[in-house]
Amino acid sequence: MLKMRLAGVEVPKRRLHDRYNSARPGTLEVVETTDQGLHRLVRLARFTYGESGKYVDTLFDVNLLWYRDGRMVLSGFERSKVDMQFCDYAQSWLCFVGTEPPPMPEGR
């Protein structure tokens, strides 16, 4: 999975696969659940990564934008906690399904 936005701001396409923004392998799960803050049903995408599987990124109100050749883009919003308040940011994930992500370019 590769995040295509940082704090809601689009990452330029030329920087999507640079050494500071590389894809991470993991497991993707899409579920529908009740969100206490939004007081409604929401569709969540959870991406679990790391050796222990304890690191999870969550995308709320997820929609599939496109799927082609083992790649797909999911769009929604991510929630972060800033100064004891929740803040929601637009987010898109580029996911590589059943394939390896492109190799990380060498840094200079």
C-alpha atoms as a PDB file:
ATOM      1  CA  MET A   1       0.000   0.000   0.000  1.00  0.00           C
ATOM      2  CA  LEU A   2       1.185   3.459  -0.852  1.00  0.00           C
ATOM      3  CA  LYS A   3      -0.457   6.586   0.595  1.00  0.00           C
ATOM      4  CA  MET A   4      -1.119   9.177  -2.092  1.00  0.00           C
ATOM      5  CA  ARG A   5      -1.734  12.112   0.285  1.00  0.00           C
ATOM      6  CA  LEU A   6       0.037  13.556   3.323  1.00  0.00           C
ATOM      7  CA  ALA A   7      -2.284  15.348   5.786  1.00  0.00           C
ATOM      8  CA  GLY A   8      -4.855  15.705   2.979  1.00  0.00           C
ATOM      9  CA  VAL A   9      -2.416  17.219   0.465  1.00  0.00           C
ATOM     10  CA  GLU A  10      -1.750  15.239  -2.730  1.00  0.00           C
ATOM     11  CA  VAL A  11       1.766  13.843  -3.090  1.00  0.00           C
ATOM     12  CA  PRO A  12       3.125  14.839  -6.530  1.00  0.00           C
ATOM     13  CA  LYS A  13       3.236  11.833  -8.886  1.00  0.00           C
ATOM     14  CA  ARG A  14       6.998  12.206  -9.348  1.00  0.00           C
ATOM     15  CA  ARG A  15       7.420  11.676  -5.564  1.00  0.00           C
ATOM     16  CA  LEU A  16       5.050   8.704  -5.185  1.00  0.00           C
ATOM     17  CA  HIS A  17       7.823   6.101  -5.435  1.00  0.00           C
ATOM     18  CA  ASP A  18      10.807   8.020  -4.070  1.00  0.00           C
ATOM     19  CA  ARG A  19      12.834   6.878  -1.080  1.00  0.00           C
ATOM     20  CA  TYR A  20      10.691   8.880   1.373  1.00  0.00           C
ATOM     21  CA  ASN A  21       7.348   7.495   0.156  1.00  0.00           C
ATOM     22  CA  SER A  22       7.705   3.776  -0.521  1.00  0.00           C
ATOM     23  CA  ALA A  23       5.033   1.064  -0.631  1.00  0.00           C
ATOM     24  CA  ARG A  24       4.620  -1.231   2.365  1.00  0.00           C
ATOM     25  CA  PRO A  25       3.550  -4.887   2.169  1.00  0.00           C
ATOM     26  CA  GLY A  26       0.670  -6.013   4.337  1.00  0.00           C
ATOM     27  CA  THR A  27      -2.920  -7.242   4.498  1.00  0.00           C
ATOM     28  CA  LEU A  28      -5.982  -5.290   3.347  1.00  0.00           C
ATOM     29  CA  GLU A  29      -9.434  -5.802   4.877  1.00  0.00           C
ATOM     30  CA  VAL A  30     -12.659  -3.920   4.028  1.00  0.00           C
ATOM     31  CA  VAL A  31     -15.513  -4.070   6.559  1.00  0.00           C
ATOM     32  CA  GLU A  32     -18.705  -2.194   7.380  1.00  0.00           C
ATOM     33  CA  THR A  33     -19.185  -1.103  10.984  1.00  0.00           C
ATOM     34  CA  THR A  34     -20.919   1.511  13.142  1.00  0.00           C
ATOM     35  CA  ASP A  35     -18.828   4.578  13.878  1.00  0.00           C
ATOM     36  CA  GLN A  36     -19.586   6.162  17.250  1.00  0.00           C
ATOM     37  CA  GLY A  37     -18.254   9.586  16.228  1.00  0.00           C
ATOM     38  CA  LEU A  38     -20.194   9.759  12.947  1.00  0.00           C
ATOM     39  CA  HIS A  39     -23.312   8.013  14.392  1.00  0.00           C
ATOM     40  CA  ARG A  40     -23.803   5.884  11.272  1.00  0.00           C
ATOM     41  CA  LEU A  41     -22.577   2.869   9.364  1.00  0.00           C
ATOM     42  CA  VAL A  42     -19.244   3.369   7.629  1.00  0.00           C
ATOM     43  CA  ARG A  43     -17.189   1.223   5.293  1.00  0.00           C
ATOM     44  CA  LEU A  44     -13.621   0.900   6.605  1.00  0.00           C
ATOM     45  CA  ALA A  45     -10.471  -0.291   4.896  1.00  0.00           C
ATOM     46  CA  ARG A  46      -7.842  -1.528   7.334  1.00  0.00           C
ATOM     47  CA  PHE A  47      -4.304  -2.097   6.179  1.00  0.00           C
ATOM     48  CA  THR A  48      -2.199  -4.160   8.586  1.00  0.00           C
ATOM     49  CA  TYR A  49       1.573  -4.206   8.163  1.00  0.00           C
ATOM     50  CA  GLY A  50       4.705  -4.974  10.118  1.00  0.00           C
ATOM     51  CA  GLU A  51       6.169  -8.215  11.401  1.00  0.00           C
ATOM     52  CA  SER A  52       3.779  -8.470  14.352  1.00  0.00           C
ATOM     53  CA  GLY A  53       0.745  -7.122  12.484  1.00  0.00           C
ATOM     54  CA  LYS A  54       0.103  -4.513  15.152  1.00  0.00           C
ATOM     55  CA  TYR A  55       0.466  -1.475  12.868  1.00  0.00           C
ATOM     56  CA  VAL A  56      -2.842  -0.575  11.256  1.00  0.00           C
ATOM     57  CA  ASP A  57      -3.856   2.282   8.953  1.00  0.00           C
ATOM     58  CA  THR A  58      -7.599   2.918   8.618  1.00  0.00           C
ATOM     59  CA  LEU A  59      -9.458   4.572   5.759  1.00  0.00           C
ATOM     60  CA  PHE A  60     -13.069   5.664   6.496  1.00  0.00           C
ATOM     61  CA  ASP A  61     -15.943   5.807   3.955  1.00  0.00           C
ATOM     62  CA  VAL A  62     -13.771   3.900   1.519  1.00  0.00           C
ATOM     63  CA  ASN A  63     -14.615   3.752  -2.205  1.00  0.00           C
ATOM     64  CA  LEU A  64     -12.907   1.804  -4.971  1.00  0.00           C
ATOM     65  CA  LEU A  65     -11.875   4.314  -7.650  1.00  0.00           C
ATOM     66  CA  TRP A  66     -10.287   1.871 -10.115  1.00  0.00           C
ATOM     67  CA  TYR A  67      -8.762  -1.597 -10.411  1.00  0.00           C
ATOM     68  CA  ARG A  68      -6.470  -2.736 -13.235  1.00  0.00           C
ATOM     69  CA  ASP A  69      -3.573  -5.180 -13.648  1.00  0.00           C
ATOM     70  CA  GLY A  70      -3.293  -6.025  -9.952  1.00  0.00           C
ATOM     71  CA  ARG A  71      -3.414  -2.387  -8.818  1.00  0.00           C
ATOM     72  CA  MET A  72      -6.269  -0.436  -7.300  1.00  0.00           C
ATOM     73  CA  VAL A  73      -6.911   2.951  -5.747  1.00  0.00           C
ATOM     74  CA  LEU A  74      -9.095   3.295  -2.658  1.00  0.00           C
ATOM     75  CA  SER A  75     -10.312   6.729  -1.591  1.00  0.00           C
ATOM     76  CA  GLY A  76     -11.803   8.010   1.660  1.00  0.00           C
ATOM     77  CA  PHE A  77     -10.582   9.888   4.718  1.00  0.00           C
ATOM     78  CA  GLU A  78      -8.180   9.128   7.530  1.00  0.00           C
ATOM     79  CA  ARG A  79      -8.560  10.304  11.089  1.00  0.00           C
ATOM     80  CA  SER A  80      -5.767  11.535  13.331  1.00  0.00           C
ATOM     81  CA  LYS A  81      -5.780  12.910  16.852  1.00  0.00           C
ATOM     82  CA  VAL A  82      -4.282  16.395  17.268  1.00  0.00           C
ATOM     83  CA  ASP A  83      -4.345  18.175  20.643  1.00  0.00           C
ATOM     84  CA  MET A  84      -7.044  15.855  22.029  1.00  0.00           C
ATOM     85  CA  GLN A  85      -9.273  16.550  18.986  1.00  0.00           C
ATOM     86  CA  PHE A  86      -9.915  14.337  15.975  1.00  0.00           C
ATOM     87  CA  CYS A  87      -9.028  15.716  12.562  1.00  0.00           C
ATOM     88  CA  ASP A  88     -10.134  14.088   9.291  1.00  0.00           C
ATOM     89  CA  TYR A  89      -8.051  14.286   6.114  1.00  0.00           C
ATOM     90  CA  ALA A  90      -8.793  13.180   2.565  1.00  0.00           C
ATOM     91  CA  GLN A  91      -6.700  10.154   1.641  1.00  0.00           C
ATOM     92  CA  SER A  92      -6.162   7.746  -1.253  1.00  0.00           C
ATOM     93  CA  TRP A  93      -4.271   4.467  -1.191  1.00  0.00           C
ATOM     94  CA  LEU A  94      -2.596   2.817  -4.147  1.00  0.00           C
ATOM     95  CA  CYS A  95      -2.678  -0.927  -3.451  1.00  0.00           C
ATOM     96  CA  PHE A  96      -0.794  -3.663  -5.291  1.00  0.00           C
ATOM     97  CA  VAL A  97      -2.920  -6.830  -5.152  1.00  0.00           C
ATOM     98  CA  GLY A  98      -1.152 -10.149  -5.572  1.00  0.00           C
ATOM     99  CA  THR A  99       1.931  -8.449  -6.972  1.00  0.00           C
ATOM    100  CA  GLU A 100       5.045  -6.930  -5.524  1.00  0.00           C
ATOM    101  CA  PRO A 101       5.151  -3.121  -5.380  1.00  0.00           C
ATOM    102  CA  PRO A 102       7.680  -1.475  -7.675  1.00  0.00           C
ATOM    103  CA  PRO A 103      11.214  -1.498  -6.258  1.00  0.00           C
ATOM    104  CA  MET A 104      12.231   1.497  -4.201  1.00  0.00           C
ATOM    105  CA  PRO A 105      14.594   3.746  -6.174  1.00  0.00           C
ATOM    106  CA  GLU A 106      18.083   4.223  -4.884  1.00  0.00           C
ATOM    107  CA  GLY A 107      18.574   7.427  -2.895  1.00  0.00           C
ATOM    108  CA  ARG A 108      21.260   9.967  -3.613  1.00  0.00           C
END
